[in-house]
N, C-alpha and C. Protein backbone atom coordinates (compact mmCIF):
# COMPACT_ATOMS: atom_id res chain seq x y z
N UNK A 1 -26.24 -27.61 23.39
CA UNK A 1 -25.57 -26.49 22.75
C UNK A 1 -25.31 -25.42 23.81
N UNK A 2 -24.11 -24.81 23.79
CA UNK A 2 -23.79 -23.79 24.78
C UNK A 2 -24.60 -22.51 24.57
N UNK A 3 -24.79 -21.80 25.66
CA UNK A 3 -25.44 -20.49 25.64
C UNK A 3 -26.81 -20.49 24.97
N UNK A 4 -27.51 -21.60 25.03
CA UNK A 4 -28.88 -21.63 24.51
C UNK A 4 -28.97 -21.68 23.00
N UNK A 5 -27.83 -21.87 22.30
CA UNK A 5 -27.87 -21.95 20.84
C UNK A 5 -28.66 -23.18 20.42
N UNK A 6 -29.37 -23.06 19.33
CA UNK A 6 -30.17 -24.17 18.84
C UNK A 6 -29.49 -24.77 17.61
N UNK A 7 -29.49 -26.11 17.51
CA UNK A 7 -28.92 -26.71 16.30
C UNK A 7 -29.83 -26.43 15.10
N UNK A 8 -29.25 -26.59 13.91
CA UNK A 8 -30.06 -26.43 12.71
C UNK A 8 -31.18 -27.48 12.75
N UNK A 9 -32.36 -27.14 12.26
CA UNK A 9 -33.44 -28.14 12.22
C UNK A 9 -33.03 -29.32 11.34
N UNK A 10 -33.49 -30.50 11.68
CA UNK A 10 -33.14 -31.71 10.92
C UNK A 10 -33.61 -31.63 9.48
N UNK A 11 -34.64 -30.87 9.24
CA UNK A 11 -35.18 -30.80 7.87
C UNK A 11 -34.58 -29.63 7.07
N UNK A 12 -33.43 -29.09 7.51
CA UNK A 12 -32.83 -27.95 6.82
C UNK A 12 -32.49 -28.27 5.36
N UNK A 13 -31.85 -29.42 5.13
CA UNK A 13 -31.47 -29.74 3.76
C UNK A 13 -32.69 -29.94 2.86
N UNK A 14 -33.69 -30.73 3.28
CA UNK A 14 -34.88 -30.85 2.41
C UNK A 14 -35.55 -29.50 2.15
N UNK A 15 -35.55 -28.61 3.14
CA UNK A 15 -36.15 -27.29 2.93
C UNK A 15 -35.33 -26.48 1.93
N UNK A 16 -34.00 -26.57 2.03
CA UNK A 16 -33.14 -25.88 1.08
C UNK A 16 -33.35 -26.44 -0.33
N UNK A 17 -33.44 -27.75 -0.44
CA UNK A 17 -33.65 -28.39 -1.73
C UNK A 17 -34.98 -27.94 -2.35
N UNK A 18 -36.03 -27.86 -1.54
CA UNK A 18 -37.33 -27.40 -2.03
C UNK A 18 -37.26 -25.94 -2.46
N UNK A 19 -36.54 -25.13 -1.69
CA UNK A 19 -36.38 -23.71 -2.04
C UNK A 19 -35.60 -23.57 -3.35
N UNK A 20 -34.60 -24.42 -3.55
CA UNK A 20 -33.82 -24.39 -4.80
C UNK A 20 -34.70 -24.69 -6.01
N UNK A 21 -35.70 -25.56 -5.82
CA UNK A 21 -36.61 -25.88 -6.92
C UNK A 21 -37.43 -24.66 -7.33
N UNK A 22 -37.64 -23.74 -6.40
CA UNK A 22 -38.41 -22.52 -6.68
C UNK A 22 -37.49 -21.44 -7.27
N UNK A 23 -36.38 -21.17 -6.60
CA UNK A 23 -35.42 -20.15 -7.04
C UNK A 23 -34.06 -20.52 -6.46
N UNK A 24 -33.24 -21.21 -7.25
CA UNK A 24 -31.97 -21.73 -6.77
C UNK A 24 -31.07 -20.63 -6.22
N UNK A 25 -30.92 -19.54 -6.96
CA UNK A 25 -30.01 -18.48 -6.53
C UNK A 25 -30.45 -17.89 -5.20
N UNK A 26 -31.73 -17.58 -5.06
CA UNK A 26 -32.23 -17.02 -3.80
C UNK A 26 -32.04 -18.00 -2.65
N UNK A 27 -32.29 -19.28 -2.90
CA UNK A 27 -32.14 -20.29 -1.86
C UNK A 27 -30.69 -20.39 -1.40
N UNK A 28 -29.76 -20.46 -2.34
CA UNK A 28 -28.35 -20.60 -2.00
C UNK A 28 -27.82 -19.34 -1.30
N UNK A 29 -28.33 -18.19 -1.69
CA UNK A 29 -27.91 -16.94 -1.04
C UNK A 29 -28.42 -16.85 0.40
N UNK A 30 -29.48 -17.58 0.72
CA UNK A 30 -30.09 -17.47 2.05
C UNK A 30 -29.48 -18.41 3.08
N UNK A 31 -28.59 -19.30 2.66
CA UNK A 31 -28.00 -20.29 3.57
C UNK A 31 -26.55 -19.94 3.85
N UNK A 32 -26.06 -20.44 4.99
CA UNK A 32 -24.66 -20.26 5.36
C UNK A 32 -23.87 -21.49 4.92
N UNK A 33 -22.60 -21.26 4.51
CA UNK A 33 -21.82 -22.33 3.89
C UNK A 33 -20.44 -22.44 4.47
N UNK A 34 -19.96 -23.67 4.55
CA UNK A 34 -18.58 -23.94 4.91
C UNK A 34 -18.28 -23.79 6.38
N UNK A 35 -17.02 -24.05 6.73
CA UNK A 35 -16.65 -24.03 8.13
C UNK A 35 -16.75 -22.64 8.73
N UNK A 36 -16.69 -21.60 7.90
CA UNK A 36 -16.85 -20.23 8.39
C UNK A 36 -18.28 -19.76 8.38
N UNK A 37 -19.20 -20.61 7.89
CA UNK A 37 -20.62 -20.28 7.82
C UNK A 37 -20.84 -18.91 7.18
N UNK A 38 -20.21 -18.71 6.01
CA UNK A 38 -20.38 -17.47 5.26
C UNK A 38 -21.74 -17.53 4.57
N UNK A 39 -22.54 -16.53 4.79
CA UNK A 39 -23.87 -16.48 4.18
C UNK A 39 -23.72 -16.36 2.67
N UNK A 40 -24.52 -17.12 1.95
CA UNK A 40 -24.44 -17.14 0.50
C UNK A 40 -24.55 -15.77 -0.14
N UNK A 41 -25.29 -14.87 0.47
CA UNK A 41 -25.42 -13.53 -0.12
C UNK A 41 -24.08 -12.78 -0.13
N UNK A 42 -23.11 -13.30 0.61
CA UNK A 42 -21.78 -12.68 0.67
C UNK A 42 -20.78 -13.35 -0.27
N UNK A 43 -21.27 -14.00 -1.34
CA UNK A 43 -20.39 -14.75 -2.23
C UNK A 43 -19.30 -13.87 -2.83
N UNK A 44 -19.61 -12.64 -3.18
CA UNK A 44 -18.58 -11.77 -3.77
C UNK A 44 -17.49 -11.45 -2.75
N UNK A 45 -17.88 -11.11 -1.53
CA UNK A 45 -16.90 -10.82 -0.49
C UNK A 45 -16.05 -12.05 -0.17
N UNK A 46 -16.60 -13.23 -0.39
CA UNK A 46 -15.87 -14.48 -0.15
C UNK A 46 -14.96 -14.83 -1.33
N UNK A 47 -15.04 -14.04 -2.42
CA UNK A 47 -14.14 -14.22 -3.54
C UNK A 47 -14.68 -14.98 -4.72
N UNK A 48 -16.00 -15.08 -4.85
CA UNK A 48 -16.60 -15.86 -5.93
C UNK A 48 -17.40 -14.98 -6.88
N UNK A 49 -17.52 -15.45 -8.12
CA UNK A 49 -18.30 -14.73 -9.12
C UNK A 49 -19.79 -14.97 -8.96
N UNK A 50 -20.16 -16.16 -8.49
CA UNK A 50 -21.57 -16.50 -8.31
C UNK A 50 -21.74 -17.25 -7.00
N UNK A 51 -22.95 -17.26 -6.49
CA UNK A 51 -23.22 -18.04 -5.28
C UNK A 51 -23.10 -19.53 -5.59
N UNK A 52 -23.43 -19.93 -6.81
CA UNK A 52 -23.31 -21.33 -7.18
C UNK A 52 -21.84 -21.78 -7.12
N UNK A 53 -20.92 -20.94 -7.61
CA UNK A 53 -19.50 -21.26 -7.54
C UNK A 53 -19.04 -21.39 -6.09
N UNK A 54 -19.57 -20.52 -5.23
CA UNK A 54 -19.22 -20.59 -3.82
C UNK A 54 -19.68 -21.90 -3.21
N UNK A 55 -20.91 -22.29 -3.48
CA UNK A 55 -21.46 -23.51 -2.89
C UNK A 55 -20.68 -24.73 -3.40
N UNK A 56 -20.35 -24.75 -4.68
CA UNK A 56 -19.56 -25.86 -5.22
C UNK A 56 -18.21 -25.96 -4.52
N UNK A 57 -17.56 -24.82 -4.29
CA UNK A 57 -16.27 -24.82 -3.60
C UNK A 57 -16.43 -25.29 -2.15
N UNK A 58 -17.49 -24.88 -1.49
CA UNK A 58 -17.72 -25.28 -0.11
C UNK A 58 -17.90 -26.79 0.00
N UNK A 59 -18.51 -27.38 -1.02
CA UNK A 59 -18.72 -28.83 -1.02
C UNK A 59 -17.46 -29.59 -1.41
N UNK A 60 -16.52 -28.92 -2.08
CA UNK A 60 -15.36 -29.60 -2.63
C UNK A 60 -14.21 -29.77 -1.65
N UNK A 61 -13.96 -28.75 -0.82
CA UNK A 61 -12.69 -28.77 -0.11
C UNK A 61 -12.71 -27.86 1.11
N UNK A 62 -12.19 -28.36 2.23
CA UNK A 62 -12.12 -27.56 3.45
C UNK A 62 -11.19 -26.37 3.29
N UNK A 63 -10.11 -26.52 2.52
CA UNK A 63 -9.19 -25.40 2.31
C UNK A 63 -9.89 -24.26 1.58
N UNK A 64 -10.79 -24.58 0.66
CA UNK A 64 -11.55 -23.54 -0.03
C UNK A 64 -12.54 -22.87 0.92
N UNK A 65 -13.07 -23.63 1.86
CA UNK A 65 -13.95 -23.05 2.87
C UNK A 65 -13.19 -22.03 3.71
N UNK A 66 -11.98 -22.39 4.11
CA UNK A 66 -11.16 -21.46 4.89
C UNK A 66 -10.79 -20.24 4.06
N UNK A 67 -10.42 -20.45 2.79
CA UNK A 67 -10.09 -19.33 1.92
C UNK A 67 -11.27 -18.38 1.79
N UNK A 68 -12.48 -18.91 1.65
CA UNK A 68 -13.66 -18.07 1.54
C UNK A 68 -13.88 -17.26 2.82
N UNK A 69 -13.69 -17.90 3.98
CA UNK A 69 -13.86 -17.19 5.25
C UNK A 69 -12.82 -16.08 5.38
N UNK A 70 -11.57 -16.37 5.01
CA UNK A 70 -10.51 -15.36 5.09
C UNK A 70 -10.80 -14.23 4.12
N UNK A 71 -11.24 -14.56 2.90
CA UNK A 71 -11.60 -13.51 1.94
C UNK A 71 -12.71 -12.63 2.49
N UNK A 72 -13.72 -13.24 3.11
CA UNK A 72 -14.82 -12.48 3.69
C UNK A 72 -14.31 -11.54 4.78
N UNK A 73 -13.42 -12.06 5.61
CA UNK A 73 -12.84 -11.25 6.69
C UNK A 73 -12.08 -10.06 6.11
N UNK A 74 -11.25 -10.31 5.10
CA UNK A 74 -10.47 -9.23 4.49
C UNK A 74 -11.37 -8.23 3.77
N UNK A 75 -12.36 -8.72 3.03
CA UNK A 75 -13.25 -7.83 2.27
C UNK A 75 -14.04 -6.91 3.19
N UNK A 76 -14.33 -7.38 4.38
CA UNK A 76 -15.09 -6.58 5.34
C UNK A 76 -14.18 -5.85 6.33
N UNK A 77 -12.90 -5.83 5.99
CA UNK A 77 -11.89 -5.12 6.77
C UNK A 77 -11.88 -5.52 8.25
N UNK A 78 -12.09 -6.79 8.48
CA UNK A 78 -12.06 -7.31 9.84
C UNK A 78 -10.69 -7.84 10.21
N UNK A 79 -9.80 -7.97 9.22
CA UNK A 79 -8.46 -8.49 9.48
C UNK A 79 -7.69 -7.60 10.45
N UNK A 80 -7.88 -6.30 10.36
CA UNK A 80 -7.21 -5.38 11.28
C UNK A 80 -7.68 -5.60 12.72
N UNK A 81 -8.94 -5.91 12.88
CA UNK A 81 -9.47 -6.19 14.23
C UNK A 81 -8.79 -7.43 14.81
N UNK A 82 -8.56 -8.43 13.95
CA UNK A 82 -7.87 -9.63 14.42
C UNK A 82 -6.43 -9.31 14.81
N UNK A 83 -5.75 -8.54 13.98
CA UNK A 83 -4.35 -8.20 14.29
C UNK A 83 -4.24 -7.45 15.61
N UNK A 84 -5.23 -6.63 15.91
CA UNK A 84 -5.21 -5.85 17.15
C UNK A 84 -5.79 -6.64 18.34
N UNK A 85 -6.24 -7.86 18.06
CA UNK A 85 -6.89 -8.69 19.08
C UNK A 85 -8.14 -8.00 19.61
N UNK A 86 -8.81 -7.28 18.76
CA UNK A 86 -10.08 -6.62 19.10
C UNK A 86 -11.19 -7.64 18.87
N UNK A 87 -11.33 -8.55 19.81
CA UNK A 87 -12.27 -9.67 19.66
C UNK A 87 -13.70 -9.18 19.54
N UNK A 88 -14.07 -8.18 20.31
CA UNK A 88 -15.44 -7.66 20.25
C UNK A 88 -15.71 -7.01 18.89
N UNK A 89 -14.76 -6.22 18.41
CA UNK A 89 -14.93 -5.58 17.10
C UNK A 89 -15.04 -6.60 15.98
N UNK A 90 -14.19 -7.64 16.05
CA UNK A 90 -14.25 -8.68 15.04
C UNK A 90 -15.59 -9.42 15.11
N UNK A 91 -15.98 -9.83 16.31
CA UNK A 91 -17.22 -10.59 16.47
C UNK A 91 -18.43 -9.78 16.01
N UNK A 92 -18.44 -8.49 16.31
CA UNK A 92 -19.55 -7.64 15.87
C UNK A 92 -19.61 -7.58 14.34
N UNK A 93 -18.45 -7.43 13.69
CA UNK A 93 -18.42 -7.38 12.24
C UNK A 93 -18.75 -8.70 11.58
N UNK A 94 -18.37 -9.79 12.19
CA UNK A 94 -18.58 -11.12 11.60
C UNK A 94 -19.97 -11.66 11.91
N UNK A 95 -20.41 -11.48 13.16
CA UNK A 95 -21.66 -12.09 13.62
C UNK A 95 -22.82 -11.12 13.79
N UNK A 96 -22.55 -9.84 13.76
CA UNK A 96 -23.62 -8.87 13.93
C UNK A 96 -23.66 -8.30 15.33
N UNK A 97 -24.57 -7.36 15.51
CA UNK A 97 -24.63 -6.60 16.77
C UNK A 97 -24.95 -7.46 17.99
N UNK A 98 -25.54 -8.62 17.80
CA UNK A 98 -25.90 -9.47 18.94
C UNK A 98 -24.80 -10.46 19.31
N UNK A 99 -23.57 -10.22 18.88
CA UNK A 99 -22.47 -11.15 19.12
C UNK A 99 -22.28 -11.45 20.60
N UNK A 100 -22.48 -10.46 21.47
CA UNK A 100 -22.21 -10.63 22.90
C UNK A 100 -23.17 -11.64 23.54
N UNK A 101 -24.36 -11.75 22.98
CA UNK A 101 -25.35 -12.70 23.50
C UNK A 101 -24.78 -14.11 23.56
N UNK A 102 -23.95 -14.45 22.57
CA UNK A 102 -23.35 -15.78 22.53
C UNK A 102 -21.87 -15.77 22.92
N UNK A 103 -21.38 -14.66 23.44
CA UNK A 103 -20.01 -14.51 23.94
C UNK A 103 -18.97 -14.85 22.88
N UNK A 104 -19.22 -14.50 21.62
CA UNK A 104 -18.28 -14.80 20.56
C UNK A 104 -16.92 -14.17 20.82
N UNK A 105 -16.92 -12.95 21.33
CA UNK A 105 -15.66 -12.26 21.60
C UNK A 105 -14.86 -12.98 22.67
N UNK A 106 -15.52 -13.45 23.68
CA UNK A 106 -14.85 -14.17 24.77
C UNK A 106 -14.31 -15.50 24.26
N UNK A 107 -15.09 -16.18 23.45
CA UNK A 107 -14.65 -17.47 22.88
C UNK A 107 -13.43 -17.29 21.99
N UNK A 108 -13.43 -16.22 21.19
CA UNK A 108 -12.27 -15.95 20.34
C UNK A 108 -11.02 -15.68 21.18
N UNK A 109 -11.17 -14.88 22.21
CA UNK A 109 -10.03 -14.56 23.08
C UNK A 109 -9.50 -15.83 23.75
N UNK A 110 -10.39 -16.68 24.24
CA UNK A 110 -9.97 -17.92 24.88
C UNK A 110 -9.27 -18.84 23.89
N UNK A 111 -9.80 -18.95 22.68
CA UNK A 111 -9.19 -19.81 21.67
C UNK A 111 -7.81 -19.27 21.29
N UNK A 112 -7.69 -17.95 21.16
CA UNK A 112 -6.40 -17.36 20.84
C UNK A 112 -5.38 -17.67 21.92
N UNK A 113 -5.77 -17.50 23.18
CA UNK A 113 -4.85 -17.81 24.29
C UNK A 113 -4.42 -19.27 24.24
N UNK A 114 -5.38 -20.15 23.99
CA UNK A 114 -5.08 -21.59 23.94
C UNK A 114 -4.08 -21.89 22.82
N UNK A 115 -4.37 -21.44 21.60
CA UNK A 115 -3.54 -21.79 20.45
C UNK A 115 -2.21 -21.07 20.46
N UNK A 116 -2.13 -19.85 21.03
CA UNK A 116 -0.83 -19.20 21.06
C UNK A 116 0.10 -19.85 22.05
N UNK A 117 -0.44 -20.61 22.98
CA UNK A 117 0.41 -21.31 23.94
C UNK A 117 0.91 -22.65 23.44
N UNK A 118 0.48 -23.09 22.29
CA UNK A 118 0.90 -24.37 21.74
C UNK A 118 2.01 -24.10 20.74
N UNK A 119 3.24 -24.49 21.08
CA UNK A 119 4.41 -24.17 20.28
C UNK A 119 4.39 -24.81 18.89
N UNK A 120 3.81 -25.98 18.77
CA UNK A 120 3.88 -26.67 17.48
C UNK A 120 2.68 -26.40 16.58
N UNK A 121 1.96 -25.32 16.84
CA UNK A 121 0.87 -24.97 15.94
C UNK A 121 1.48 -24.63 14.59
N UNK A 122 1.08 -25.38 13.55
CA UNK A 122 1.70 -25.14 12.24
C UNK A 122 1.25 -23.80 11.65
N UNK A 123 2.09 -23.23 10.78
CA UNK A 123 1.67 -21.99 10.12
C UNK A 123 0.51 -22.28 9.18
N UNK A 124 -0.26 -21.26 8.86
CA UNK A 124 -1.39 -21.49 7.95
C UNK A 124 -0.87 -21.89 6.58
N UNK A 125 -1.67 -22.68 5.84
CA UNK A 125 -1.23 -23.08 4.50
C UNK A 125 -1.25 -21.89 3.56
N UNK A 126 -0.56 -22.05 2.42
CA UNK A 126 -0.59 -21.02 1.39
C UNK A 126 -2.01 -20.88 0.88
N UNK A 127 -2.39 -19.70 0.39
CA UNK A 127 -3.75 -19.51 -0.13
C UNK A 127 -4.05 -20.51 -1.23
N UNK A 128 -5.28 -20.96 -1.28
CA UNK A 128 -5.73 -21.91 -2.29
C UNK A 128 -6.58 -21.15 -3.30
N UNK A 129 -6.24 -21.26 -4.59
CA UNK A 129 -7.07 -20.57 -5.59
C UNK A 129 -8.49 -21.12 -5.56
N UNK A 130 -9.45 -20.24 -5.74
CA UNK A 130 -10.85 -20.64 -5.74
C UNK A 130 -11.23 -20.99 -7.17
N UNK A 131 -11.79 -22.21 -7.39
CA UNK A 131 -12.15 -22.59 -8.76
C UNK A 131 -13.21 -21.67 -9.33
N UNK A 132 -13.11 -21.44 -10.62
CA UNK A 132 -14.07 -20.59 -11.32
C UNK A 132 -14.83 -21.44 -12.32
N UNK A 133 -16.00 -20.97 -12.76
CA UNK A 133 -16.78 -21.74 -13.73
C UNK A 133 -15.95 -21.98 -14.99
N UNK A 134 -16.15 -23.14 -15.65
CA UNK A 134 -15.40 -23.42 -16.87
C UNK A 134 -15.74 -22.42 -17.97
N UNK A 135 -14.74 -22.14 -18.83
CA UNK A 135 -14.93 -21.22 -19.95
C UNK A 135 -15.54 -21.99 -21.12
N UNK A 136 -16.41 -21.36 -21.90
CA UNK A 136 -16.95 -22.03 -23.09
C UNK A 136 -15.82 -22.38 -24.05
N UNK A 137 -16.02 -23.47 -24.81
CA UNK A 137 -15.00 -23.91 -25.76
C UNK A 137 -14.73 -22.81 -26.77
N UNK A 138 -13.46 -22.65 -27.09
CA UNK A 138 -13.08 -21.67 -28.10
C UNK A 138 -12.87 -20.27 -27.55
N UNK A 139 -13.27 -20.02 -26.30
CA UNK A 139 -13.09 -18.67 -25.76
C UNK A 139 -11.73 -18.59 -25.08
N UNK A 140 -11.20 -17.40 -25.05
CA UNK A 140 -9.92 -17.17 -24.39
C UNK A 140 -10.21 -16.79 -22.95
N UNK A 141 -9.61 -17.52 -21.99
CA UNK A 141 -9.87 -17.16 -20.59
C UNK A 141 -9.36 -15.76 -20.29
N UNK A 142 -10.18 -14.99 -19.63
CA UNK A 142 -9.79 -13.63 -19.26
C UNK A 142 -8.77 -13.72 -18.13
N UNK A 143 -7.85 -12.75 -18.11
CA UNK A 143 -6.90 -12.71 -17.02
C UNK A 143 -7.63 -12.31 -15.76
N UNK A 144 -7.31 -13.00 -14.66
CA UNK A 144 -7.97 -12.70 -13.39
C UNK A 144 -7.52 -11.34 -12.90
N UNK A 145 -8.47 -10.54 -12.53
CA UNK A 145 -8.16 -9.25 -11.93
C UNK A 145 -8.34 -9.38 -10.42
N UNK A 146 -7.52 -8.68 -9.64
CA UNK A 146 -7.70 -8.75 -8.19
C UNK A 146 -9.13 -8.43 -7.81
N UNK A 147 -9.70 -9.29 -6.98
CA UNK A 147 -11.06 -9.09 -6.51
C UNK A 147 -12.12 -9.55 -7.48
N UNK A 148 -11.74 -10.02 -8.68
CA UNK A 148 -12.73 -10.43 -9.67
C UNK A 148 -12.86 -11.94 -9.76
N UNK A 149 -11.77 -12.67 -9.59
CA UNK A 149 -11.82 -14.12 -9.70
C UNK A 149 -10.73 -14.70 -8.82
N UNK A 150 -10.91 -15.93 -8.42
CA UNK A 150 -9.91 -16.59 -7.60
C UNK A 150 -9.85 -15.99 -6.22
N UNK A 151 -8.71 -16.11 -5.60
CA UNK A 151 -8.54 -15.60 -4.25
C UNK A 151 -8.43 -14.09 -4.30
N UNK A 152 -9.16 -13.41 -3.46
CA UNK A 152 -9.13 -11.96 -3.39
C UNK A 152 -7.72 -11.51 -3.02
N UNK A 153 -7.21 -10.52 -3.72
CA UNK A 153 -5.88 -10.02 -3.44
C UNK A 153 -5.95 -9.11 -2.22
N UNK A 154 -5.04 -9.29 -1.35
CA UNK A 154 -5.03 -8.47 -0.15
C UNK A 154 -4.03 -9.03 0.83
N UNK A 155 -4.16 -8.68 2.10
CA UNK A 155 -3.14 -9.06 3.07
C UNK A 155 -3.02 -10.56 3.26
N UNK A 156 -4.05 -11.32 2.93
CA UNK A 156 -3.99 -12.76 3.14
C UNK A 156 -3.69 -13.52 1.86
N UNK A 157 -3.51 -12.84 0.75
CA UNK A 157 -3.31 -13.55 -0.51
C UNK A 157 -1.84 -13.90 -0.75
N UNK A 158 -0.95 -13.34 0.04
CA UNK A 158 0.47 -13.67 -0.09
C UNK A 158 0.84 -14.57 1.08
N UNK A 159 1.85 -15.40 0.84
CA UNK A 159 2.25 -16.29 1.93
C UNK A 159 2.82 -15.46 3.08
N UNK A 160 2.55 -15.89 4.27
CA UNK A 160 3.00 -15.17 5.46
C UNK A 160 4.41 -15.60 5.80
N UNK A 161 5.19 -14.69 6.34
CA UNK A 161 6.54 -15.05 6.74
C UNK A 161 6.95 -14.25 7.96
N UNK A 162 8.02 -14.71 8.59
CA UNK A 162 8.61 -14.00 9.70
C UNK A 162 7.65 -13.73 10.84
N UNK A 163 7.74 -12.54 11.38
CA UNK A 163 6.94 -12.15 12.53
C UNK A 163 5.45 -12.20 12.22
N UNK A 164 5.09 -11.81 11.01
CA UNK A 164 3.68 -11.84 10.62
C UNK A 164 3.11 -13.24 10.79
N UNK A 165 3.84 -14.26 10.33
CA UNK A 165 3.37 -15.64 10.45
C UNK A 165 3.31 -16.05 11.91
N UNK A 166 4.30 -15.63 12.69
CA UNK A 166 4.33 -16.00 14.11
C UNK A 166 3.14 -15.42 14.87
N UNK A 167 2.70 -14.25 14.46
CA UNK A 167 1.55 -13.62 15.12
C UNK A 167 0.23 -14.17 14.58
N UNK A 168 0.13 -14.31 13.26
CA UNK A 168 -1.15 -14.71 12.67
C UNK A 168 -1.42 -16.21 12.72
N UNK A 169 -0.37 -17.04 12.75
CA UNK A 169 -0.58 -18.49 12.72
C UNK A 169 -1.46 -18.97 13.88
N UNK A 170 -1.16 -18.58 15.13
CA UNK A 170 -2.04 -19.03 16.21
C UNK A 170 -3.45 -18.46 16.07
N UNK A 171 -3.55 -17.26 15.56
CA UNK A 171 -4.85 -16.63 15.39
C UNK A 171 -5.68 -17.39 14.36
N UNK A 172 -5.09 -17.68 13.21
CA UNK A 172 -5.80 -18.43 12.18
C UNK A 172 -6.15 -19.82 12.70
N UNK A 173 -5.21 -20.45 13.41
CA UNK A 173 -5.48 -21.77 13.97
C UNK A 173 -6.63 -21.72 14.97
N UNK A 174 -6.68 -20.66 15.77
CA UNK A 174 -7.76 -20.53 16.75
C UNK A 174 -9.10 -20.35 16.05
N UNK A 175 -9.13 -19.53 15.02
CA UNK A 175 -10.38 -19.31 14.29
C UNK A 175 -10.80 -20.60 13.60
N UNK A 176 -9.85 -21.27 12.98
CA UNK A 176 -10.16 -22.54 12.32
C UNK A 176 -10.69 -23.55 13.32
N UNK A 177 -10.08 -23.61 14.49
CA UNK A 177 -10.55 -24.52 15.53
C UNK A 177 -11.99 -24.21 15.93
N UNK A 178 -12.28 -22.94 16.11
CA UNK A 178 -13.66 -22.56 16.45
C UNK A 178 -14.62 -22.89 15.32
N UNK A 179 -14.23 -22.63 14.08
CA UNK A 179 -15.09 -22.95 12.93
C UNK A 179 -15.40 -24.43 12.92
N UNK A 180 -14.37 -25.26 13.16
CA UNK A 180 -14.57 -26.71 13.10
C UNK A 180 -15.42 -27.22 14.24
N UNK A 181 -15.15 -26.73 15.45
CA UNK A 181 -15.84 -27.25 16.63
C UNK A 181 -17.27 -26.75 16.74
N UNK A 182 -17.52 -25.54 16.32
CA UNK A 182 -18.85 -24.96 16.48
C UNK A 182 -19.16 -24.00 15.34
N UNK A 183 -19.37 -24.52 14.13
CA UNK A 183 -19.63 -23.61 13.01
C UNK A 183 -20.86 -22.75 13.22
N UNK A 184 -21.80 -23.23 14.01
CA UNK A 184 -23.01 -22.43 14.24
C UNK A 184 -22.70 -21.15 15.01
N UNK A 185 -21.56 -21.09 15.68
CA UNK A 185 -21.19 -19.87 16.40
C UNK A 185 -20.91 -18.71 15.46
N UNK A 186 -20.64 -19.01 14.20
CA UNK A 186 -20.22 -17.99 13.28
C UNK A 186 -21.30 -17.59 12.29
N UNK A 187 -22.52 -17.98 12.57
CA UNK A 187 -23.61 -17.51 11.71
C UNK A 187 -23.83 -16.03 11.98
N UNK A 188 -24.16 -15.31 10.96
CA UNK A 188 -24.45 -13.88 11.09
C UNK A 188 -25.72 -13.74 11.94
N UNK A 189 -25.64 -12.99 13.01
CA UNK A 189 -26.79 -12.77 13.89
C UNK A 189 -27.44 -11.47 13.47
N UNK A 190 -28.72 -11.52 13.19
CA UNK A 190 -29.43 -10.29 12.80
C UNK A 190 -29.73 -9.47 14.05
N UNK A 191 -29.51 -8.15 13.96
CA UNK A 191 -29.73 -7.29 15.14
C UNK A 191 -31.18 -7.24 15.53
């Protein structure tokens, strides 16, 4: 592992399963999920009503994992840091004050340079709605309010076009590439 990072212990899943037997909600909130490694305690910022809904989405689909990471970024107002290419500011907000220890800012800058130089990098896909818990029989589904259910409404909830897509596509591709190659790089580091 680069920069002295340690892999997750092999017994992580059995430990999580045992913790769930004691208190499922607390256990799920204490673990990081999906390609963006969003901590379960951040389920609301990721666009979910419950941590259980977040975990189910993380297990179901990679597009939902990306949507949750983007929602988390927007909810924590880190999207502006990305637009400005403020890699250190973004890394500090996403990973915590110890981000420099693992050179997250440098890795983001390098990935951005790499992906912006690739002409055929496809634009990001349209936002994917986040599944919500089923409604009880006979009840009328409530209309989704922005920030209450589904994909959080904000700068990333509309399809990108024109210059915005040209600027953000390589950035999103770079972040996605980093998430896929080294998800442990995006765990929240406690100060």
